[in-house]
């Protein structure tokens, strides 16, 4: 719509320019015709003065009329006048009075053989604002009007002529071509801008892709630090306990600690494999996952934290819950991050031991999972930004755990939300489809 308006405005401006130019040309041409008309009438009027100066009582009227047909007759004057006078006689005639003679002049005959007379729509000759002769329309009708007093001592008549433009001679073709030119110009400018816009978008996309890749590498590096910290800490703790038992000659208690260390090392291996797949965008192979077994594994991994924080686990996952088609490590990471946050939220619990409850059921062709705790809950800001990368409420936290959790849930075509339960703590609600398609 805007392009049409611009085209109409430009077409109108150019057309007006052509019209003004054409009208100016016509005006100049008609002004030249008026000057010719003025000159011819002035020359013929000056002849009357020459005739009056040469007339005598013996002059032959027929010869004078033959040479000057505009002079209808002449006569002698009885009185002696010192100045020329002019007396209108009607029907375009007037008496030109001199000292001894008077001429009856017919203006119709005087201007009859001047070609420019027929060129103008309106033509008039007047004496002291009294019209002597008038042809065509009134003086107010024409578009242009020329008015000039004839330079003649004896006959200073006022010559007025008017005319209107010849609209048929306006440059209609040029106006049409101008409109086509502006239409083409706007089209090509629009195409150029569109192509330039596309190039800018392509450049911005390439730049954004580079920034995204660098940002993703930064997030992945931070994620590696975040995710590997817990199993490395656990493995270190198990090894230190094993060394202490060996020094105390309690060798029979060492194998379970070494087995736990192996579990943590395998988990580190799986995490590194996962991060490698994120970098190389390899397709993950989904498989049936038993949520109850994964939850028990996560509880075992965080057993030390649960024990030191006196956290009670309330498991309400039914045995009949169908398997979920997912990546086992993804589900483990999701549950691990939520449980770890619940434990940390209750470390300063002054009311006694804390608790974490998990409940699952099948709904809407998927599995709904609810994890709640007995902590203080989340602040208003935390509820809004808990899934934002690098947002954390802990001084030593990286703020990536819940961001990675949300990413993994979305990659399984699921959703996650968090809220506070009145009188209790935070409650995470997750939903997974039974047959997700990886994004």
Protein backbone atom coordinates (compact mmCIF):
# COMPACT_ATOMS: atom_id res chain seq x y z
CA UNK A 1 0.00 0.00 0.00
CA UNK A 2 2.82 2.40 0.85
CA UNK A 3 4.52 1.75 -2.49
CA UNK A 4 1.27 2.53 -4.33
CA UNK A 5 0.92 5.80 -2.42
CA UNK A 6 4.53 6.73 -3.21
CA UNK A 7 3.97 5.88 -6.88
CA UNK A 8 0.83 8.00 -7.00
CA UNK A 9 2.57 10.95 -5.34
CA UNK A 10 5.60 10.77 -7.65
CA UNK A 11 3.37 10.35 -10.70
CA UNK A 12 1.28 13.32 -9.63
CA UNK A 13 4.35 15.49 -9.04
CA UNK A 14 5.93 14.59 -12.39
CA UNK A 15 2.61 15.03 -14.23
CA UNK A 16 2.15 18.43 -12.61
CA UNK A 17 5.67 19.31 -13.71
CA UNK A 18 4.90 18.35 -17.29
CA UNK A 19 1.61 20.27 -17.21
CA UNK A 20 3.28 23.39 -15.79
CA UNK A 21 6.01 23.18 -18.43
CA UNK A 22 3.51 22.71 -21.26
CA UNK A 23 1.28 25.54 -20.02
CA UNK A 24 4.30 27.80 -19.73
CA UNK A 25 5.24 26.99 -23.31
CA UNK A 26 1.70 27.74 -24.51
CA UNK A 27 1.67 30.96 -22.51
CA UNK A 28 4.93 32.09 -24.08
CA UNK A 29 3.64 31.29 -27.57
CA UNK A 30 0.38 33.15 -27.00
CA UNK A 31 2.21 36.09 -25.43
CA UNK A 32 4.26 36.31 -28.61
CA UNK A 33 1.02 36.29 -30.67
CA UNK A 34 -0.39 39.08 -28.50
CA UNK A 35 2.73 41.17 -29.07
CA UNK A 36 2.33 40.70 -32.83
CA UNK A 37 -1.33 41.67 -32.61
CA UNK A 38 -0.46 44.73 -30.56
CA UNK A 39 2.20 45.79 -33.04
CA UNK A 40 -0.06 45.39 -36.10
CA UNK A 41 -2.94 47.34 -34.53
CA UNK A 42 -0.55 50.06 -33.37
CA UNK A 43 0.89 50.39 -36.90
CA UNK A 44 -2.57 50.72 -38.44
CA UNK A 45 -3.69 53.28 -35.88
CA UNK A 46 -0.58 55.36 -36.55
CA UNK A 47 -1.62 55.55 -40.23
CA UNK A 48 -4.65 57.61 -39.19
CA UNK A 49 -2.42 60.37 -37.88
CA UNK A 50 -0.53 60.42 -41.20
CA UNK A 51 -3.81 60.58 -43.13
CA UNK A 52 -5.12 63.49 -41.06
CA UNK A 53 -1.92 65.41 -41.62
CA UNK A 54 -2.11 64.90 -45.41
CA UNK A 55 -5.86 65.47 -45.95
CA UNK A 56 -7.04 68.55 -47.85
CA UNK A 57 -10.29 69.77 -49.28
CA UNK A 58 -9.29 68.39 -52.69
CA UNK A 59 -8.49 64.85 -51.45
CA UNK A 60 -10.38 62.08 -53.22
CA UNK A 61 -12.43 60.07 -50.64
CA UNK A 62 -12.60 57.03 -52.87
CA UNK A 63 -8.83 56.75 -53.12
CA UNK A 64 -8.47 57.09 -49.37
CA UNK A 65 -11.13 54.44 -48.74
CA UNK A 66 -9.55 52.12 -51.28
CA UNK A 67 -6.14 52.34 -49.63
CA UNK A 68 -7.50 52.40 -46.06
CA UNK A 69 -10.76 50.41 -46.00
CA UNK A 70 -11.17 50.93 -42.23
CA UNK A 71 -11.90 54.65 -42.89
CA UNK A 72 -15.59 54.72 -43.73
CA UNK A 73 -15.68 58.49 -44.47
CA UNK A 74 -14.12 61.77 -43.55
CA UNK A 75 -15.36 65.33 -43.18
CA UNK A 76 -14.15 68.81 -42.55
CA UNK A 77 -14.59 70.44 -39.18
CA UNK A 78 -15.98 73.95 -38.87
CA UNK A 79 -14.25 74.79 -35.65
CA UNK A 80 -10.54 74.83 -35.15
CA UNK A 81 -9.48 72.25 -32.52
CA UNK A 82 -6.02 72.26 -31.06
CA UNK A 83 -6.03 68.59 -29.81
CA UNK A 84 -7.11 65.25 -31.12
CA UNK A 85 -10.38 63.93 -29.76
CA UNK A 86 -12.10 60.58 -30.07
CA UNK A 87 -15.85 60.06 -30.08
CA UNK A 88 -17.32 56.52 -30.10
CA UNK A 89 -19.94 56.05 -32.84
CA UNK A 90 -21.14 52.54 -31.97
CA UNK A 91 -20.77 49.13 -33.64
CA UNK A 92 -17.00 49.26 -33.41
CA UNK A 93 -16.64 52.70 -35.01
CA UNK A 94 -15.44 56.03 -33.73
CA UNK A 95 -14.73 59.55 -34.96
CA UNK A 96 -11.13 60.62 -34.79
CA UNK A 97 -11.21 64.43 -34.70
CA UNK A 98 -8.22 66.54 -35.70
CA UNK A 99 -7.78 70.32 -36.18
CA UNK A 100 -9.47 70.52 -39.60
CA UNK A 101 -10.80 67.05 -40.39
CA UNK A 102 -12.47 64.08 -38.71
CA UNK A 103 -12.22 60.39 -39.74
CA UNK A 104 -14.86 57.74 -39.11
CA UNK A 105 -12.80 54.59 -38.33
CA UNK A 106 -14.23 51.06 -38.36
CA UNK A 107 -12.24 48.85 -35.98
CA UNK A 108 -13.89 45.69 -37.34
CA UNK A 109 -12.41 46.36 -40.75
CA UNK A 110 -9.11 47.47 -39.23
CA UNK A 111 -8.48 44.17 -37.46
CA UNK A 112 -10.18 41.90 -40.01
CA UNK A 113 -6.99 41.04 -41.91
CA UNK A 114 -4.82 40.47 -38.80
CA UNK A 115 -4.42 36.65 -38.32
CA UNK A 116 -3.87 36.91 -34.57
CA UNK A 117 -7.39 38.25 -34.07
CA UNK A 118 -8.82 34.76 -34.52
CA UNK A 119 -6.16 33.26 -32.28
CA UNK A 120 -7.68 34.57 -29.06
CA UNK A 121 -10.94 33.54 -27.43
CA UNK A 122 -11.55 37.10 -26.25
CA UNK A 123 -10.49 40.38 -27.84
CA UNK A 124 -11.55 43.94 -27.02
CA UNK A 125 -10.53 47.54 -27.73
CA UNK A 126 -11.78 50.25 -25.40
CA UNK A 127 -11.54 53.99 -24.96
CA UNK A 128 -11.58 55.36 -21.43
CA UNK A 129 -13.00 52.00 -20.20
CA UNK A 130 -15.76 52.24 -22.80
CA UNK A 131 -15.68 49.17 -25.10
CA UNK A 132 -15.43 50.09 -28.76
CA UNK A 133 -15.25 46.52 -30.03
CA UNK A 134 -15.44 43.18 -28.23
CA UNK A 135 -15.22 39.69 -29.61
CA UNK A 136 -15.51 36.26 -28.01
CA UNK A 137 -16.24 35.49 -24.33
CA UNK A 138 -16.09 37.96 -21.49
CA UNK A 139 -12.78 38.93 -19.98
CA UNK A 140 -13.32 36.77 -16.88
CA UNK A 141 -13.67 33.49 -18.81
CA UNK A 142 -10.21 33.01 -20.36
CA UNK A 143 -7.43 31.29 -18.38
CA UNK A 144 -4.87 33.92 -19.43
CA UNK A 145 -5.51 37.63 -19.99
CA UNK A 146 -3.23 40.21 -21.62
CA UNK A 147 -4.03 43.91 -21.28
CA UNK A 148 -1.97 46.77 -22.69
CA UNK A 149 -2.61 50.36 -23.84
CA UNK A 150 -1.67 51.13 -27.43
CA UNK A 151 1.11 53.70 -27.79
CA UNK A 152 -0.64 56.25 -29.98
CA UNK A 153 -0.88 60.00 -29.20
CA UNK A 154 -4.27 60.35 -30.86
CA UNK A 155 -5.75 56.91 -30.20
CA UNK A 156 -4.50 55.45 -26.89
CA UNK A 157 -6.93 52.56 -27.02
CA UNK A 158 -6.78 49.75 -24.47
CA UNK A 159 -6.11 46.37 -26.08
CA UNK A 160 -7.25 43.32 -24.10
CA UNK A 161 -6.97 39.69 -25.19
CA UNK A 162 -7.62 36.43 -23.41
CA UNK A 163 -7.16 32.78 -24.14
CA UNK A 164 -7.31 29.33 -22.49
CA UNK A 165 -4.81 26.48 -22.73
CA UNK A 166 -5.18 23.87 -25.42
CA UNK A 167 -5.61 20.90 -23.07
CA UNK A 168 -5.41 18.45 -25.99
CA UNK A 169 -1.81 19.53 -26.59
CA UNK A 170 -0.67 18.70 -23.09
CA UNK A 171 2.09 16.03 -23.00
CA UNK A 172 -0.22 13.17 -22.05
CA UNK A 173 2.20 10.59 -23.44
CA UNK A 174 5.07 11.99 -21.39
CA UNK A 175 2.90 11.94 -18.27
CA UNK A 176 2.07 8.30 -18.95
CA UNK A 177 5.72 7.46 -19.54
CA UNK A 178 6.63 9.29 -16.32
CA UNK A 179 4.15 7.17 -14.38
CA UNK A 180 5.61 4.02 -15.95
CA UNK A 181 9.11 5.25 -15.16
CA UNK A 182 8.27 5.79 -11.48
CA UNK A 183 6.54 2.41 -11.33
CA UNK A 184 9.68 0.76 -12.73
CA UNK A 185 11.96 2.80 -10.46
CA UNK A 186 9.96 1.89 -7.36
CA UNK A 187 9.91 -1.76 -8.41
CA UNK A 188 13.68 -1.92 -8.94
CA UNK A 189 14.39 0.06 -5.75
CA UNK A 190 12.10 -2.31 -3.86
CA UNK A 191 13.85 -5.31 -5.39
CA UNK A 192 17.24 -3.83 -4.52
CA UNK A 193 16.16 -3.18 -0.95
CA UNK A 194 14.65 -6.68 -0.70
CA UNK A 195 17.87 -8.25 -1.99
CA UNK A 196 19.93 -6.07 0.32
CA UNK A 197 17.66 -7.02 3.20
CA UNK A 198 18.08 -10.70 2.34
CA UNK A 199 21.86 -10.27 2.22
CA UNK A 200 21.80 -8.49 5.57
CA UNK A 201 19.65 -11.25 7.03
CA UNK A 202 22.03 -13.88 5.66
CA UNK A 203 25.01 -12.02 7.13
CA UNK A 204 23.23 -11.59 10.45
CA UNK A 205 22.28 -15.25 10.49
CA UNK A 206 25.88 -16.24 9.81
CA UNK A 207 27.07 -13.88 12.53
CA UNK A 208 24.37 -15.10 14.91
CA UNK A 209 25.24 -18.71 14.11
CA UNK A 210 28.86 -18.03 14.97
CA UNK A 211 27.89 -16.30 18.21
CA UNK A 212 25.47 -19.12 19.03
CA UNK A 213 28.17 -21.69 18.44
CA UNK A 214 30.60 -19.84 20.66
CA UNK A 215 27.93 -19.32 23.30
CA UNK A 216 26.95 -22.98 23.12
CA UNK A 217 30.57 -24.01 23.56
CA UNK A 218 30.76 -21.75 26.64
CA UNK A 219 27.56 -23.18 28.06
CA UNK A 220 28.71 -26.73 27.36
CA UNK A 221 32.03 -26.08 29.05
CA UNK A 222 30.25 -24.62 32.08
CA UNK A 223 27.81 -27.54 31.97
CA UNK A 224 30.66 -30.02 32.00
CA UNK A 225 32.08 -28.34 35.10
CA UNK A 226 28.67 -28.37 36.75
CA UNK A 227 27.72 -31.95 35.88
CA UNK A 228 31.12 -33.54 36.53
CA UNK A 229 31.67 -31.85 39.88
CA UNK A 230 29.26 -34.11 41.82
CA UNK A 231 30.45 -37.53 40.57
CA UNK A 232 34.10 -36.47 40.89
CA UNK A 233 33.46 -35.32 44.46
CA UNK A 234 31.65 -38.57 45.22
CA UNK A 235 34.44 -40.69 43.67
CA UNK A 236 37.04 -38.74 45.67
CA UNK A 237 35.05 -39.27 48.86
CA UNK A 238 34.72 -43.04 48.23
CA UNK A 239 38.46 -43.39 47.50
CA UNK A 240 39.42 -41.45 50.60
CA UNK A 241 37.12 -43.66 52.70
CA UNK A 242 38.63 -46.78 51.10
CA UNK A 243 42.17 -45.62 51.90
CA UNK A 244 41.18 -44.88 55.46
CA UNK A 245 39.69 -48.40 55.87
CA UNK A 246 42.77 -50.00 54.36
CA UNK A 247 44.99 -48.19 56.85
CA UNK A 248 42.65 -49.38 59.62
CA UNK A 249 42.98 -52.97 58.38
CA UNK A 250 39.23 -53.09 57.55
CA UNK A 251 39.74 -54.48 54.07
CA UNK A 252 36.39 -56.27 53.96
CA UNK A 253 34.57 -52.90 53.79
CA UNK A 254 36.60 -51.54 50.85
CA UNK A 255 34.96 -53.36 47.84
CA UNK A 256 31.55 -51.58 48.18
CA UNK A 257 33.36 -48.23 48.16
CA UNK A 258 35.35 -49.17 45.09
CA UNK A 259 32.15 -50.36 43.38
CA UNK A 260 30.56 -47.00 44.15
CA UNK A 261 33.63 -45.27 42.74
CA UNK A 262 33.31 -47.32 39.52
CA UNK A 263 29.65 -46.26 39.25
CA UNK A 264 30.64 -42.59 39.51
CA UNK A 265 33.44 -43.01 36.97
CA UNK A 266 31.00 -44.66 34.53
CA UNK A 267 28.61 -41.77 35.10
CA UNK A 268 31.42 -39.35 34.25
CA UNK A 269 32.08 -41.32 31.07
CA UNK A 270 28.40 -41.15 30.12
CA UNK A 271 28.30 -37.40 30.78
CA UNK A 272 31.36 -36.79 28.61
CA UNK A 273 29.80 -38.91 25.85
CA UNK A 274 26.64 -36.85 26.08
CA UNK A 275 28.54 -33.57 25.81
CA UNK A 276 30.43 -34.93 22.83
CA UNK A 277 27.14 -35.79 21.15
CA UNK A 278 25.92 -32.23 21.78
CA UNK A 279 28.99 -30.87 20.03
CA UNK A 280 28.78 -33.25 17.08
CA UNK A 281 24.92 -33.23 16.99
CA UNK A 282 24.79 -37.02 16.92
CA UNK A 283 21.34 -38.57 17.11
CA UNK A 284 20.62 -40.11 20.51
CA UNK A 285 19.14 -43.57 20.56
CA UNK A 286 16.06 -43.63 22.81
CA UNK A 287 15.19 -46.76 24.75
CA UNK A 288 12.59 -47.89 27.31
CA UNK A 289 13.33 -46.41 30.72
CA UNK A 290 11.89 -47.51 34.04
CA UNK A 291 11.40 -44.31 36.06
CA UNK A 292 11.41 -46.13 39.38
CA UNK A 293 14.79 -47.75 38.69
CA UNK A 294 16.30 -44.44 37.53
CA UNK A 295 14.98 -42.71 40.67
CA UNK A 296 16.49 -45.38 42.92
CA UNK A 297 19.82 -44.96 41.11
CA UNK A 298 19.72 -41.17 41.62
CA UNK A 299 18.90 -41.66 45.33
CA UNK A 300 21.89 -43.98 45.60
CA UNK A 301 24.17 -41.41 43.92
CA UNK A 302 23.06 -38.75 46.40
CA UNK A 303 22.95 -41.10 49.38
CA UNK A 304 25.70 -39.26 51.23
CA UNK A 305 23.98 -35.87 50.84
CA UNK A 306 20.63 -37.35 51.86
CA UNK A 307 22.16 -38.92 54.92
CA UNK A 308 24.06 -35.80 56.01
CA UNK A 309 21.02 -33.60 55.49
CA UNK A 310 18.67 -36.08 57.18
CA UNK A 311 16.42 -36.06 54.11
CA UNK A 312 13.66 -38.64 53.87
CA UNK A 313 12.66 -39.93 50.43
CA UNK A 314 8.97 -40.61 49.80
CA UNK A 315 8.59 -42.74 46.68
CA UNK A 316 5.09 -42.95 45.19
CA UNK A 317 6.03 -44.24 41.74
CA UNK A 318 3.67 -47.17 41.01
CA UNK A 319 5.15 -50.47 39.89
CA UNK A 320 2.63 -50.61 37.04
CA UNK A 321 3.88 -47.37 35.49
CA UNK A 322 4.77 -48.03 31.83
CA UNK A 323 8.31 -47.56 30.59
CA UNK A 324 9.20 -44.19 29.13
CA UNK A 325 10.95 -44.02 25.75
CA UNK A 326 13.92 -41.76 26.48
CA UNK A 327 17.65 -41.56 27.03
CA UNK A 328 18.41 -43.06 30.48
CA UNK A 329 21.19 -40.58 31.18
CA UNK A 330 18.92 -37.62 30.35
CA UNK A 331 16.27 -38.83 32.79
CA UNK A 332 18.96 -39.45 35.40
CA UNK A 333 20.35 -35.93 34.97
CA UNK A 334 16.88 -34.38 35.20
CA UNK A 335 16.01 -36.22 38.42
CA UNK A 336 19.51 -35.75 39.83
CA UNK A 337 19.44 -31.95 39.38
CA UNK A 338 15.96 -31.58 40.90
CA UNK A 339 16.78 -33.85 43.86
CA UNK A 340 20.15 -32.15 44.45
CA UNK A 341 18.44 -28.73 44.53
CA UNK A 342 15.79 -30.06 46.97
CA UNK A 343 18.53 -31.37 49.27
CA UNK A 344 20.46 -28.11 49.16
CA UNK A 345 17.28 -26.10 49.85
CA UNK A 346 16.77 -28.05 53.10
CA UNK A 347 20.36 -28.02 54.38
CA UNK A 348 19.54 -25.15 56.75
CA UNK A 349 16.22 -26.65 57.80
CA UNK A 350 15.77 -25.79 61.48
CA UNK A 351 12.55 -27.75 61.89
CA UNK A 352 14.30 -31.10 61.84
CA UNK A 353 14.72 -33.60 59.02
CA UNK A 354 13.56 -32.68 55.55
CA UNK A 355 11.80 -34.73 52.92
CA UNK A 356 11.46 -35.13 49.17
CA UNK A 357 8.42 -36.81 47.65
CA UNK A 358 8.07 -38.11 44.11
CA UNK A 359 4.80 -39.14 42.53
CA UNK A 360 4.13 -40.40 39.02
CA UNK A 361 1.10 -41.49 37.02
CA UNK A 362 0.08 -41.97 33.41
CA UNK A 363 -2.01 -39.24 31.73
CA UNK A 364 -2.66 -37.87 28.23
CA UNK A 365 -0.52 -40.46 26.42
CA UNK A 366 2.38 -39.56 28.67
CA UNK A 367 3.75 -39.73 32.19
CA UNK A 368 3.19 -36.95 34.70
CA UNK A 369 5.87 -36.64 37.38
CA UNK A 370 5.68 -34.48 40.51
CA UNK A 371 8.66 -33.83 42.81
CA UNK A 372 8.02 -31.76 45.95
CA UNK A 373 10.10 -31.01 49.04
CA UNK A 374 9.80 -29.62 52.54
CA UNK A 375 12.09 -26.66 51.96
CA UNK A 376 11.30 -22.93 52.17
CA UNK A 377 10.23 -22.77 48.53
CA UNK A 378 11.40 -20.40 45.81
CA UNK A 379 11.35 -16.61 45.90
CA UNK A 380 9.22 -14.65 43.42
CA UNK A 381 12.29 -13.89 41.32
CA UNK A 382 13.46 -17.50 41.43
CA UNK A 383 10.05 -18.74 40.24
CA UNK A 384 10.40 -16.51 37.16
CA UNK A 385 14.07 -17.15 36.39
CA UNK A 386 14.78 -20.63 37.77
CA UNK A 387 15.29 -22.03 34.24
CA UNK A 388 17.40 -19.09 33.03
CA UNK A 389 21.06 -19.97 32.37
CA UNK A 390 23.47 -18.75 35.06
CA UNK A 391 20.72 -17.79 37.48
CA UNK A 392 21.50 -19.13 40.94
CA UNK A 393 20.67 -18.35 44.57
CA UNK A 394 23.83 -20.00 45.91
CA UNK A 395 27.14 -18.10 46.15
CA UNK A 396 29.08 -21.09 44.76
CA UNK A 397 26.49 -22.12 42.15
CA UNK A 398 26.91 -21.83 38.37
CA UNK A 399 23.19 -21.53 37.61
CA UNK A 400 23.22 -24.18 34.88
CA UNK A 401 21.57 -27.19 36.55
CA UNK A 402 17.93 -26.21 36.02
CA UNK A 403 18.67 -24.65 32.61
CA UNK A 404 20.15 -27.97 31.44
CA UNK A 405 17.21 -29.79 33.04
CA UNK A 406 14.70 -27.76 31.04
CA UNK A 407 16.72 -28.31 27.85
CA UNK A 408 16.71 -32.09 28.33
CA UNK A 409 12.98 -32.12 29.11
CA UNK A 410 12.24 -30.14 25.94
CA UNK A 411 14.43 -32.43 23.85
CA UNK A 412 12.13 -35.25 24.94
CA UNK A 413 9.14 -33.13 23.81
CA UNK A 414 8.09 -32.78 27.43
CA UNK A 415 7.48 -29.77 29.63
CA UNK A 416 8.44 -28.69 33.13
CA UNK A 417 7.09 -26.07 35.50
CA UNK A 418 7.70 -25.12 39.10
CA UNK A 419 5.55 -23.63 41.82
CA UNK A 420 5.43 -23.32 45.59
CA UNK A 421 3.08 -25.42 47.72
CA UNK A 422 1.54 -23.44 50.51
CA UNK A 423 2.94 -24.60 53.86
CA UNK A 424 5.54 -26.78 52.14
CA UNK A 425 8.34 -26.10 49.66
CA UNK A 426 8.88 -26.13 45.91
CA UNK A 427 7.06 -28.48 43.57
CA UNK A 428 8.37 -29.44 40.14
CA UNK A 429 5.82 -30.87 37.71
CA UNK A 430 7.11 -32.67 34.63
CA UNK A 431 5.31 -34.33 31.77
CA UNK A 432 6.88 -36.68 29.21
CA UNK A 433 5.19 -38.25 26.18
CA UNK A 434 5.47 -42.00 26.02
CA UNK A 435 6.89 -41.86 22.48
CA UNK A 436 8.82 -38.60 22.08
CA UNK A 437 10.60 -37.47 18.95
CA UNK A 438 13.94 -35.83 19.58
CA UNK A 439 14.11 -32.22 18.44
